PDB file of N, CA and C in Angstrom:
ATOM      1  N   UNK A   1      -5.933-201.816  97.847  1.00  0.00           N
ATOM      2  CA  UNK A   1      -5.038-201.481  96.841  1.00  0.00           C
ATOM      3  C   UNK A   1      -4.879-202.896  95.907  1.00  0.00           C
ATOM      4  N   UNK A   2      -5.115-202.631  94.700  1.00  0.00           N
ATOM      5  CA  UNK A   2      -4.921-203.968  93.774  1.00  0.00           C
ATOM      6  C   UNK A   2      -3.584-203.714  92.788  1.00  0.00           C
ATOM      7  N   UNK A   3      -2.874-204.816  92.816  1.00  0.00           N
ATOM      8  CA  UNK A   3      -1.622-204.838  91.911  1.00  0.00           C
ATOM      9  C   UNK A   3      -1.957-205.900  90.954  1.00  0.00           C
ATOM     10  N   UNK A   4      -1.520-205.574  89.741  1.00  0.00           N
ATOM     11  CA  UNK A   4      -1.575-206.641  88.682  1.00  0.00           C
ATOM     12  C   UNK A   4      -0.053-206.753  88.137  1.00  0.00           C
ATOM     13  N   UNK A   5       0.105-208.067  88.220  1.00  0.00           N
ATOM     14  CA  UNK A   5       1.576-208.337  87.803  1.00  0.00           C
ATOM     15  C   UNK A   5       1.613-209.299  86.681  1.00  0.00           C
ATOM     16  N   UNK A   6       2.496-208.942  85.617  1.00  0.00           N
ATOM     17  CA  UNK A   6       2.672-209.847  84.607  1.00  0.00           C
ATOM     18  C   UNK A   6       3.810-210.763  84.838  1.00  0.00           C
ATOM     19  N   UNK A   7       3.379-212.048  85.067  1.00  0.00           N
ATOM     20  CA  UNK A   7       4.195-213.052  85.417  1.00  0.00           C
ATOM     21  C   UNK A   7       4.568-214.031  84.230  1.00  0.00           C
ATOM     22  N   UNK A   8       5.736-214.157  83.890  1.00  0.00           N
ATOM     23  CA  UNK A   8       6.298-215.106  82.807  1.00  0.00           C
ATOM     24  C   UNK A   8       7.078-216.104  83.347  1.00  0.00           C
ATOM     25  N   UNK A   9       6.370-217.319  83.622  1.00  0.00           N
ATOM     26  CA  UNK A   9       7.240-218.498  84.156  1.00  0.00           C
ATOM     27  C   UNK A   9       6.392-219.744  83.953  1.00  0.00           C
ATOM     28  N   UNK A  10       7.229-220.759  83.439  1.00  0.00           N
ATOM     29  CA  UNK A  10       6.543-222.083  83.336  1.00  0.00           C
ATOM     30  C   UNK A  10       7.020-223.048  84.477  1.00  0.00           C
ATOM     31  N   UNK A  11       7.510-222.338  85.481  1.00  0.00           N
ATOM     32  CA  UNK A  11       7.921-223.109  86.745  1.00  0.00           C
ATOM     33  C   UNK A  11       6.691-223.236  87.628  1.00  0.00           C
ATOM     34  N   UNK A  12       5.910-224.538  87.694  1.00  0.00           N
ATOM     35  CA  UNK A  12       4.726-224.503  88.386  1.00  0.00           C
ATOM     36  C   UNK A  12       4.897-224.432  89.834  1.00  0.00           C
ATOM     37  N   UNK A  13       5.968-224.964  90.473  1.00  0.00           N
ATOM     38  CA  UNK A  13       6.291-224.827  91.833  1.00  0.00           C
ATOM     39  C   UNK A  13       6.462-223.367  92.335  1.00  0.00           C
ATOM     40  N   UNK A  14       7.214-222.489  91.408  1.00  0.00           N
ATOM     41  CA  UNK A  14       7.320-221.172  91.726  1.00  0.00           C
ATOM     42  C   UNK A  14       6.023-220.362  91.659  1.00  0.00           C
ATOM     43  N   UNK A  15       5.333-220.604  90.629  1.00  0.00           N
ATOM     44  CA  UNK A  15       3.911-220.005  90.634  1.00  0.00           C
ATOM     45  C   UNK A  15       3.073-220.283  91.730  1.00  0.00           C
ATOM     46  N   UNK A  16       3.026-221.652  92.012  1.00  0.00           N
ATOM     47  CA  UNK A  16       2.284-222.085  93.265  1.00  0.00           C
ATOM     48  C   UNK A  16       2.630-221.436  94.392  1.00  0.00           C
ATOM     49  N   UNK A  17       4.046-221.208  94.646  1.00  0.00           N
ATOM     50  CA  UNK A  17       4.356-220.466  95.851  1.00  0.00           C
ATOM     51  C   UNK A  17       3.836-219.065  95.833  1.00  0.00           C
ATOM     52  N   UNK A  18       3.982-218.534  94.615  1.00  0.00           N
ATOM     53  CA  UNK A  18       3.575-216.989  94.631  1.00  0.00           C
ATOM     54  C   UNK A  18       2.018-216.916  94.929  1.00  0.00           C
ATOM     55  N   UNK A  19       1.421-217.797  94.505  1.00  0.00           N
ATOM     56  CA  UNK A  19      -0.162-217.812  94.658  1.00  0.00           C
ATOM     57  C   UNK A  19      -0.363-217.857  96.143  1.00  0.00           C
ATOM     58  N   UNK A  20       0.438-218.700  96.719  1.00  0.00           N
ATOM     59  CA  UNK A  20       0.165-218.906  98.295  1.00  0.00           C
ATOM     60  C   UNK A  20       0.595-217.543  98.960  1.00  0.00           C
ATOM     61  N   UNK A  21       1.724-217.003  98.530  1.00  0.00           N
ATOM     62  CA  UNK A  21       2.039-215.664  99.151  1.00  0.00           C
ATOM     63  C   UNK A  21       0.988-214.613  98.948  1.00  0.00           C
ATOM     64  N   UNK A  22       0.411-214.496  97.827  1.00  0.00           N
ATOM     65  CA  UNK A  22      -0.589-213.641  97.661  1.00  0.00           C
ATOM     66  C   UNK A  22      -1.853-213.797  98.318  1.00  0.00           C
ATOM     67  N   UNK A  23      -2.252-215.049  98.590  1.00  0.00           N
ATOM     68  CA  UNK A  23      -3.308-215.442  99.604  1.00  0.00           C
ATOM     69  C   UNK A  23      -3.213-214.645 100.963  1.00  0.00           C
ATOM     70  N   UNK A  24      -1.770-214.729 101.386  1.00  0.00           N
ATOM     71  CA  UNK A  24      -1.392-214.203 102.706  1.00  0.00           C
ATOM     72  C   UNK A  24      -1.579-212.684 102.681  1.00  0.00           C
ATOM     73  N   UNK A  25      -0.918-212.157 101.579  1.00  0.00           N
ATOM     74  CA  UNK A  25      -0.985-210.625 101.210  1.00  0.00           C
ATOM     75  C   UNK A  25      -2.617-210.105 101.276  1.00  0.00           C
ATOM     76  N   UNK A  26      -3.477-210.923 100.747  1.00  0.00           N
ATOM     77  CA  UNK A  26      -4.726-210.609 100.435  1.00  0.00           C
ATOM     78  C   UNK A  26      -5.477-210.370 101.920  1.00  0.00           C
ATOM     79  N   UNK A  27      -5.034-211.232 102.750  1.00  0.00           N
ATOM     80  CA  UNK A  27      -5.564-211.131 104.180  1.00  0.00           C
ATOM     81  C   UNK A  27      -5.124-209.698 104.898  1.00  0.00           C
ATOM     82  N   UNK A  28      -4.131-209.114 104.372  1.00  0.00           N
ATOM     83  CA  UNK A  28      -3.697-207.825 104.769  1.00  0.00           C
ATOM     84  C   UNK A  28      -4.013-206.768 104.006  1.00  0.00           C
ATOM     85  N   UNK A  29      -5.200-207.035 103.097  1.00  0.00           N
ATOM     86  CA  UNK A  29      -6.019-205.952 102.372  1.00  0.00           C
ATOM     87  C   UNK A  29      -5.211-205.414 101.210  1.00  0.00           C
ATOM     88  N   UNK A  30      -4.253-206.436 100.678  1.00  0.00           N
ATOM     89  CA  UNK A  30      -3.672-206.012  99.485  1.00  0.00           C
ATOM     90  C   UNK A  30      -4.028-206.982  98.344  1.00  0.00           C
ATOM     91  N   UNK A  31      -4.638-206.550  97.262  1.00  0.00           N
ATOM     92  CA  UNK A  31      -5.140-207.478  96.305  1.00  0.00           C
ATOM     93  C   UNK A  31      -3.947-207.698  95.203  1.00  0.00           C
ATOM     94  N   UNK A  32      -3.538-208.874  94.778  1.00  0.00           N
ATOM     95  CA  UNK A  32      -2.402-209.179  93.906  1.00  0.00           C
ATOM     96  C   UNK A  32      -3.168-210.228  92.822  1.00  0.00           C
ATOM     97  N   UNK A  33      -2.966-209.782  91.604  1.00  0.00           N
ATOM     98  CA  UNK A  33      -3.398-210.596  90.623  1.00  0.00           C
ATOM     99  C   UNK A  33      -2.428-210.798  89.738  1.00  0.00           C
ATOM    100  N   UNK A  34      -2.266-211.912  89.062  1.00  0.00           N
ATOM    101  CA  UNK A  34      -1.174-212.422  88.086  1.00  0.00           C
ATOM    102  C   UNK A  34      -1.895-212.523  86.753  1.00  0.00           C
ATOM    103  N   UNK A  35      -1.140-212.086  85.663  1.00  0.00           N
ATOM    104  CA  UNK A  35      -1.452-212.324  84.294  1.00  0.00           C
ATOM    105  C   UNK A  35      -0.378-212.857  83.611  1.00  0.00           C
ATOM    106  N   UNK A  36      -0.580-213.462  82.399  1.00  0.00           N
ATOM    107  CA  UNK A  36       0.402-213.940  81.644  1.00  0.00           C
ATOM    108  C   UNK A  36       0.270-213.335  80.291  1.00  0.00           C
ATOM    109  N   UNK A  37      -0.633-212.409  79.944  1.00  0.00           N
ATOM    110  CA  UNK A  37      -0.877-211.843  78.821  1.00  0.00           C
ATOM    111  C   UNK A  37       0.197-210.771  78.631  1.00  0.00           C
ATOM    112  N   UNK A  38       1.076-210.773  77.677  1.00  0.00           N
ATOM    113  CA  UNK A  38       2.166-210.002  77.464  1.00  0.00           C
ATOM    114  C   UNK A  38       1.720-208.673  76.821  1.00  0.00           C
ATOM    115  N   UNK A  39       0.584-208.657  76.205  1.00  0.00           N
ATOM    116  CA  UNK A  39       0.004-207.449  75.639  1.00  0.00           C
ATOM    117  C   UNK A  39      -0.866-206.601  76.603  1.00  0.00           C
ATOM    118  N   UNK A  40      -0.983-207.170  77.866  1.00  0.00           N
ATOM    119  CA  UNK A  40      -1.733-206.310  78.811  1.00  0.00           C
ATOM    120  C   UNK A  40      -0.825-205.151  79.313  1.00  0.00           C
ATOM    121  N   UNK A  41      -1.242-203.905  79.056  1.00  0.00           N
ATOM    122  CA  UNK A  41      -0.544-202.853  79.385  1.00  0.00           C
ATOM    123  C   UNK A  41      -0.961-202.333  80.799  1.00  0.00           C
ATOM    124  N   UNK A  42      -1.794-202.937  81.462  1.00  0.00           N
ATOM    125  CA  UNK A  42      -2.421-202.444  82.728  1.00  0.00           C
ATOM    126  C   UNK A  42      -1.723-203.197  83.694  1.00  0.00           C
ATOM    127  N   UNK A  43      -0.427-203.367  83.720  1.00  0.00           N
ATOM    128  CA  UNK A  43       0.190-204.211  84.966  1.00  0.00           C
ATOM    129  C   UNK A  43       1.142-203.212  85.828  1.00  0.00           C
ATOM    130  N   UNK A  44       1.463-203.487  86.935  1.00  0.00           N
ATOM    131  CA  UNK A  44       2.088-202.684  87.833  1.00  0.00           C
ATOM    132  C   UNK A  44       3.655-202.954  87.433  1.00  0.00           C
ATOM    133  N   UNK A  45       4.114-204.258  87.424  1.00  0.00           N
ATOM    134  CA  UNK A  45       5.455-204.589  86.828  1.00  0.00           C
ATOM    135  C   UNK A  45       5.381-206.099  86.252  1.00  0.00           C
ATOM    136  N   UNK A  46       6.575-206.327  85.757  1.00  0.00           N
ATOM    137  CA  UNK A  46       6.821-207.625  85.062  1.00  0.00           C
ATOM    138  C   UNK A  46       7.733-208.383  85.907  1.00  0.00           C
ATOM    139  N   UNK A  47       7.396-209.740  86.165  1.00  0.00           N
ATOM    140  CA  UNK A  47       8.172-210.722  86.927  1.00  0.00           C
ATOM    141  C   UNK A  47       8.528-211.826  85.691  1.00  0.00           C
ATOM    142  N   UNK A  48       9.889-211.855  85.458  1.00  0.00           N
ATOM    143  CA  UNK A  48      10.260-212.935  84.313  1.00  0.00           C
ATOM    144  C   UNK A  48      11.081-213.894  84.844  1.00  0.00           C
ATOM    145  N   UNK A  49      10.851-215.197  84.588  1.00  0.00           N
ATOM    146  CA  UNK A  49      11.724-216.349  85.028  1.00  0.00           C
ATOM    147  C   UNK A  49      12.604-216.688  84.135  1.00  0.00           C
ATOM    148  N   UNK A  50      13.902-216.685  84.253  1.00  0.00           N
ATOM    149  CA  UNK A  50      14.929-216.859  83.117  1.00  0.00           C
ATOM    150  C   UNK A  50      15.370-218.384  83.178  1.00  0.00           C
ATOM    151  N   UNK A  51      14.853-219.242  84.036  1.00  0.00           N
ATOM    152  CA  UNK A  51      15.502-220.605  84.070  1.00  0.00           C
ATOM    153  C   UNK A  51      15.250-221.424  82.833  1.00  0.00           C
ATOM    154  N   UNK A  52      14.165-221.067  81.969  1.00  0.00           N
ATOM    155  CA  UNK A  52      14.100-221.831  80.738  1.00  0.00           C
ATOM    156  C   UNK A  52      13.939-220.909  79.762  1.00  0.00           C
ATOM    157  N   UNK A  53      14.543-221.152  78.455  1.00  0.00           N
ATOM    158  CA  UNK A  53      14.667-220.411  77.325  1.00  0.00           C
ATOM    159  C   UNK A  53      15.034-218.915  77.604  1.00  0.00           C
ATOM    160  N   UNK A  54      16.425-219.054  78.319  1.00  0.00           N
ATOM    161  CA  UNK A  54      17.068-217.775  78.638  1.00  0.00           C
ATOM    162  C   UNK A  54      17.050-216.844  77.496  1.00  0.00           C
ATOM    163  N   UNK A  55      17.699-217.251  76.311  1.00  0.00           N
ATOM    164  CA  UNK A  55      17.759-216.350  75.174  1.00  0.00           C
ATOM    165  C   UNK A  55      16.470-215.663  74.609  1.00  0.00           C
ATOM    166  N   UNK A  56      15.410-216.562  74.767  1.00  0.00           N
ATOM    167  CA  UNK A  56      14.130-216.148  74.308  1.00  0.00           C
ATOM    168  C   UNK A  56      13.610-215.173  75.305  1.00  0.00           C
ATOM    169  N   UNK A  57      13.854-215.233  76.581  1.00  0.00           N
ATOM    170  CA  UNK A  57      13.435-214.217  77.578  1.00  0.00           C
ATOM    171  C   UNK A  57      14.158-213.006  77.396  1.00  0.00           C
ATOM    172  N   UNK A  58      15.447-213.107  77.130  1.00  0.00           N
ATOM    173  CA  UNK A  58      16.088-211.932  76.982  1.00  0.00           C
ATOM    174  C   UNK A  58      15.508-211.137  75.608  1.00  0.00           C
ATOM    175  N   UNK A  59      15.131-211.810  74.561  1.00  0.00           N
ATOM    176  CA  UNK A  59      14.531-211.000  73.518  1.00  0.00           C
ATOM    177  C   UNK A  59      13.203-210.477  73.948  1.00  0.00           C
ATOM    178  N   UNK A  60      12.433-211.160  74.727  1.00  0.00           N
ATOM    179  CA  UNK A  60      11.261-210.752  75.053  1.00  0.00           C
ATOM    180  C   UNK A  60      11.418-209.267  75.968  1.00  0.00           C
ATOM    181  N   UNK A  61      12.304-209.493  76.936  1.00  0.00           N
ATOM    182  CA  UNK A  61      12.681-208.010  77.570  1.00  0.00           C
ATOM    183  C   UNK A  61      12.992-207.043  76.675  1.00  0.00           C
ATOM    184  N   UNK A  62      13.865-207.274  75.585  1.00  0.00           N
ATOM    185  CA  UNK A  62      14.198-206.215  74.614  1.00  0.00           C
ATOM    186  C   UNK A  62      13.121-205.675  73.870  1.00  0.00           C
ATOM    187  N   UNK A  63      12.270-206.731  73.526  1.00  0.00           N
ATOM    188  CA  UNK A  63      10.874-206.387  72.867  1.00  0.00           C
ATOM    189  C   UNK A  63      10.035-205.298  73.730  1.00  0.00           C
ATOM    190  N   UNK A  64       9.943-205.651  75.080  1.00  0.00           N
ATOM    191  CA  UNK A  64       9.179-204.932  75.853  1.00  0.00           C
ATOM    192  C   UNK A  64       9.814-203.388  75.916  1.00  0.00           C
ATOM    193  N   UNK A  65      11.002-203.412  75.874  1.00  0.00           N
ATOM    194  CA  UNK A  65      11.739-202.027  76.030  1.00  0.00           C
ATOM    195  C   UNK A  65      11.798-201.393  74.673  1.00  0.00           C
ATOM    196  N   UNK A  66      12.051-201.969  73.629  1.00  0.00           N
ATOM    197  CA  UNK A  66      12.330-201.643  72.399  1.00  0.00           C
ATOM    198  C   UNK A  66      11.179-201.130  71.702  1.00  0.00           C
ATOM    199  N   UNK A  67      10.008-201.902  71.641  1.00  0.00           N
ATOM    200  CA  UNK A  67       8.807-201.648  70.892  1.00  0.00           C
ATOM    201  C   UNK A  67       7.947-200.892  71.608  1.00  0.00           C
ATOM    202  N   UNK A  68       8.304-200.493  72.885  1.00  0.00           N
ATOM    203  CA  UNK A  68       7.391-199.670  73.762  1.00  0.00           C
ATOM    204  C   UNK A  68       5.997-200.389  74.226  1.00  0.00           C
ATOM    205  N   UNK A  69       6.156-201.704  74.108  1.00  0.00           N
ATOM    206  CA  UNK A  69       4.961-202.403  74.721  1.00  0.00           C
ATOM    207  C   UNK A  69       4.934-202.171  76.176  1.00  0.00           C
ATOM    208  N   UNK A  70       6.007-202.164  76.991  1.00  0.00           N
ATOM    209  CA  UNK A  70       6.002-201.938  78.395  1.00  0.00           C
ATOM    210  C   UNK A  70       7.163-201.174  78.857  1.00  0.00           C
ATOM    211  N   UNK A  71       7.379-199.929  78.102  1.00  0.00           N
ATOM    212  CA  UNK A  71       8.473-199.090  78.241  1.00  0.00           C
ATOM    213  C   UNK A  71       8.916-198.665  79.562  1.00  0.00           C
ATOM    214  N   UNK A  72       7.930-198.409  80.394  1.00  0.00           N
ATOM    215  CA  UNK A  72       8.003-197.883  81.797  1.00  0.00           C
ATOM    216  C   UNK A  72       7.789-198.727  82.836  1.00  0.00           C
ATOM    217  N   UNK A  73       7.629-200.081  82.581  1.00  0.00           N
ATOM    218  CA  UNK A  73       7.353-201.039  83.683  1.00  0.00           C
ATOM    219  C   UNK A  73       8.542-201.344  84.269  1.00  0.00           C
ATOM    220  N   UNK A  74       8.547-201.646  85.394  1.00  0.00           N
ATOM    221  CA  UNK A  74       9.717-202.289  86.131  1.00  0.00           C
ATOM    222  C   UNK A  74       9.771-203.702  85.732  1.00  0.00           C
ATOM    223  N   UNK A  75      10.873-204.351  85.427  1.00  0.00           N
ATOM    224  CA  UNK A  75      11.111-205.560  85.109  1.00  0.00           C
ATOM    225  C   UNK A  75      11.971-206.392  85.931  1.00  0.00           C
ATOM    226  N   UNK A  76      11.472-207.321  86.781  1.00  0.00           N
ATOM    227  CA  UNK A  76      12.442-208.068  87.731  1.00  0.00           C
ATOM    228  C   UNK A  76      12.418-209.563  87.205  1.00  0.00           C
ATOM    229  N   UNK A  77      13.755-209.774  87.021  1.00  0.00           N
ATOM    230  CA  UNK A  77      13.856-211.221  86.566  1.00  0.00           C
ATOM    231  C   UNK A  77      14.403-212.008  87.777  1.00  0.00           C
ATOM    232  N   UNK A  78      14.099-213.369  87.640  1.00  0.00           N
ATOM    233  CA  UNK A  78      14.510-214.239  88.621  1.00  0.00           C
ATOM    234  C   UNK A  78      15.142-215.618  87.813  1.00  0.00           C
ATOM    235  N   UNK A  79      16.147-216.189  88.477  1.00  0.00           N
ATOM    236  CA  UNK A  79      16.859-217.355  87.982  1.00  0.00           C
ATOM    237  C   UNK A  79      17.463-218.147  89.128  1.00  0.00           C
ATOM    238  N   UNK A  80      17.592-219.319  88.922  1.00  0.00           N
ATOM    239  CA  UNK A  80      18.041-220.193  90.074  1.00  0.00           C
ATOM    240  C   UNK A  80      19.538-219.946  90.351  1.00  0.00           C
ATOM    241  N   UNK A  81      20.225-219.799  89.266  1.00  0.00           N
ATOM    242  CA  UNK A  81      21.670-219.447  89.544  1.00  0.00           C
ATOM    243  C   UNK A  81      22.215-218.213  88.569  1.00  0.00           C
ATOM    244  N   UNK A  82      22.912-217.306  89.189  1.00  0.00           N
ATOM    245  CA  UNK A  82      23.142-216.130  88.377  1.00  0.00           C
ATOM    246  C   UNK A  82      24.786-215.983  88.442  1.00  0.00           C
ATOM    247  N   UNK A  83      25.272-215.780  87.074  1.00  0.00           N
ATOM    248  CA  UNK A  83      26.648-215.569  87.052  1.00  0.00           C
ATOM    249  C   UNK A  83      26.991-214.194  86.515  1.00  0.00           C
ATOM    250  N   UNK A  84      28.030-213.737  86.557  1.00  0.00           N
ATOM    251  CA  UNK A  84      28.368-212.272  86.094  1.00  0.00           C
ATOM    252  C   UNK A  84      27.968-212.119  84.785  1.00  0.00           C
ATOM    253  N   UNK A  85      28.187-213.315  83.915  1.00  0.00           N
ATOM    254  CA  UNK A  85      27.828-213.095  82.501  1.00  0.00           C
ATOM    255  C   UNK A  85      26.362-212.893  82.486  1.00  0.00           C
ATOM    256  N   UNK A  86      25.573-213.836  83.010  1.00  0.00           N
ATOM    257  CA  UNK A  86      24.081-213.645  82.987  1.00  0.00           C
ATOM    258  C   UNK A  86      23.605-212.377  83.438  1.00  0.00           C
ATOM    259  N   UNK A  87      24.111-211.934  84.613  1.00  0.00           N
ATOM    260  CA  UNK A  87      23.746-210.506  85.133  1.00  0.00           C
ATOM    261  C   UNK A  87      23.904-209.451  84.069  1.00  0.00           C
ATOM    262  N   UNK A  88      25.209-209.529  83.316  1.00  0.00           N
ATOM    263  CA  UNK A  88      25.377-208.451  82.586  1.00  0.00           C
ATOM    264  C   UNK A  88      24.452-208.480  81.137  1.00  0.00           C
ATOM    265  N   UNK A  89      24.121-209.747  80.830  1.00  0.00           N
ATOM    266  CA  UNK A  89      23.073-209.850  79.606  1.00  0.00           C
ATOM    267  C   UNK A  89      21.716-209.463  79.886  1.00  0.00           C
ATOM    268  N   UNK A  90      21.514-209.633  81.128  1.00  0.00           N
ATOM    269  CA  UNK A  90      19.958-209.306  81.653  1.00  0.00           C
ATOM    270  C   UNK A  90      19.968-207.887  81.773  1.00  0.00           C
ATOM    271  N   UNK A  91      20.861-207.191  82.185  1.00  0.00           N
ATOM    272  CA  UNK A  91      20.849-205.751  82.389  1.00  0.00           C
ATOM    273  C   UNK A  91      20.793-205.007  81.021  1.00  0.00           C
ATOM    274  N   UNK A  92      21.865-205.595  80.135  1.00  0.00           N
ATOM    275  CA  UNK A  92      21.867-205.143  78.713  1.00  0.00           C
ATOM    276  C   UNK A  92      20.659-205.249  77.961  1.00  0.00           C
ATOM    277  N   UNK A  93      19.746-206.274  78.449  1.00  0.00           N
ATOM    278  CA  UNK A  93      18.576-206.525  77.483  1.00  0.00           C
ATOM    279  C   UNK A  93      17.553-205.401  78.108  1.00  0.00           C
ATOM    280  N   UNK A  94      17.772-204.948  79.233  1.00  0.00           N
ATOM    281  CA  UNK A  94      16.701-203.755  79.720  1.00  0.00           C
ATOM    282  C   UNK A  94      16.136-204.125  81.117  1.00  0.00           C
ATOM    283  N   UNK A  95      16.552-205.113  81.638  1.00  0.00           N
ATOM    284  CA  UNK A  95      15.856-205.478  82.993  1.00  0.00           C
ATOM    285  C   UNK A  95      16.423-204.609  84.180  1.00  0.00           C
ATOM    286  N   UNK A  96      15.328-204.346  84.962  1.00  0.00           N
ATOM    287  CA  UNK A  96      15.720-203.464  86.126  1.00  0.00           C
ATOM    288  C   UNK A  96      16.632-204.114  87.272  1.00  0.00           C
ATOM    289  N   UNK A  97      16.025-205.448  87.380  1.00  0.00           N
ATOM    290  CA  UNK A  97      16.826-206.078  88.652  1.00  0.00           C
ATOM    291  C   UNK A  97      16.726-207.579  88.289  1.00  0.00           C
ATOM    292  N   UNK A  98      17.716-208.416  88.980  1.00  0.00           N
ATOM    293  CA  UNK A  98      17.758-209.943  88.813  1.00  0.00           C
ATOM    294  C   UNK A  98      18.016-210.227  90.136  1.00  0.00           C
ATOM    295  N   UNK A  99      17.401-211.329  90.413  1.00  0.00           N
ATOM    296  CA  UNK A  99      17.570-212.014  91.676  1.00  0.00           C
ATOM    297  C   UNK A  99      17.461-213.460  91.666  1.00  0.00           C
ATOM    298  N   UNK A 100      18.222-214.283  92.574  1.00  0.00           N
ATOM    299  CA  UNK A 100      17.987-215.617  92.608  1.00  0.00           C
ATOM    300  C   UNK A 100      16.615-215.904  93.116  1.00  0.00           C
ATOM    301  N   UNK A 101      16.030-216.973  92.625  1.00  0.00           N
ATOM    302  CA  UNK A 101      14.707-217.399  92.927  1.00  0.00           C
ATOM    303  C   UNK A 101      14.731-217.588  94.464  1.00  0.00           C
ATOM    304  N   UNK A 102      15.580-218.138  95.273  1.00  0.00           N
ATOM    305  CA  UNK A 102      15.638-218.246  96.547  1.00  0.00           C
ATOM    306  C   UNK A 102      15.500-217.034  97.241  1.00  0.00           C
ATOM    307  N   UNK A 103      16.166-215.874  96.731  1.00  0.00           N
ATOM    308  CA  UNK A 103      16.264-214.553  97.356  1.00  0.00           C
ATOM    309  C   UNK A 103      14.911-213.793  97.039  1.00  0.00           C
ATOM    310  N   UNK A 104      14.246-214.143  96.023  1.00  0.00           N
ATOM    311  CA  UNK A 104      13.005-213.577  95.654  1.00  0.00           C
ATOM    312  C   UNK A 104      11.959-214.147  96.561  1.00  0.00           C
ATOM    313  N   UNK A 105      12.011-215.468  96.666  1.00  0.00           N
ATOM    314  CA  UNK A 105      11.004-216.015  97.559  1.00  0.00           C
ATOM    315  C   UNK A 105      11.124-215.562  99.061  1.00  0.00           C
ATOM    316  N   UNK A 106      12.253-215.191  99.486  1.00  0.00           N
ATOM    317  CA  UNK A 106      12.328-214.620 100.733  1.00  0.00           C
ATOM    318  C   UNK A 106      11.688-213.369 100.939  1.00  0.00           C
ATOM    319  N   UNK A 107      11.637-212.575  99.956  1.00  0.00           N
ATOM    320  CA  UNK A 107      11.153-211.246  99.893  1.00  0.00           C
ATOM    321  C   UNK A 107      10.198-211.107  99.117  1.00  0.00           C
ATOM    322  N   UNK A 108       9.458-212.053  98.768  1.00  0.00           N
ATOM    323  CA  UNK A 108       8.394-212.028  97.798  1.00  0.00           C
ATOM    324  C   UNK A 108       7.131-211.023  98.247  1.00  0.00           C
ATOM    325  N   UNK A 109       6.700-211.236  99.550  1.00  0.00           N
ATOM    326  CA  UNK A 109       5.604-210.624 100.023  1.00  0.00           C
ATOM    327  C   UNK A 109       5.835-208.974 100.177  1.00  0.00           C
ATOM    328  N   UNK A 110       7.059-208.639 100.377  1.00  0.00           N
ATOM    329  CA  UNK A 110       7.462-207.271 100.355  1.00  0.00           C
ATOM    330  C   UNK A 110       7.583-206.813  98.936  1.00  0.00           C
ATOM    331  N   UNK A 111       8.235-207.413  98.028  1.00  0.00           N
ATOM    332  CA  UNK A 111       8.427-206.991  96.607  1.00  0.00           C
ATOM    333  C   UNK A 111       6.935-206.809  96.012  1.00  0.00           C
ATOM    334  N   UNK A 112       5.978-207.752  96.132  1.00  0.00           N
ATOM    335  CA  UNK A 112       4.717-207.981  95.663  1.00  0.00           C
ATOM    336  C   UNK A 112       3.867-206.638  95.992  1.00  0.00           C
ATOM    337  N   UNK A 113       3.930-206.111  97.153  1.00  0.00           N
ATOM    338  CA  UNK A 113       2.959-205.079  97.672  1.00  0.00           C
ATOM    339  C   UNK A 113       3.684-203.754  97.437  1.00  0.00           C
ATOM    340  N   UNK A 114       4.863-203.701  97.083  1.00  0.00           N
ATOM    341  CA  UNK A 114       5.448-202.180  97.015  1.00  0.00           C
ATOM    342  C   UNK A 114       5.064-201.645  95.780  1.00  0.00           C
TER     343      UNK A 114
END
């Protein structure tokens, strides 16, 4: 099974970590590829890092939902710290889930293959 994930993140450490996780998953016969092409409609879900340019990323989520670019794709957001205000804004923008980066790292292999 091959999964293609749109990953929007400029956090090199986070991206490197996920690449290592995908190598482990590949050994279990699950193929994972990442793309950063926001116009690629052939992705399984969207992973978006909100640590930088928070407002810009919220607008991108709204664009995915509003313009129909990715209307039915699950959008998972990650952020180092999450307040109630951040959580509310993220869900209002159209995101399906938000997790702390540390939580996502712990569950990454399970999330990526589901």
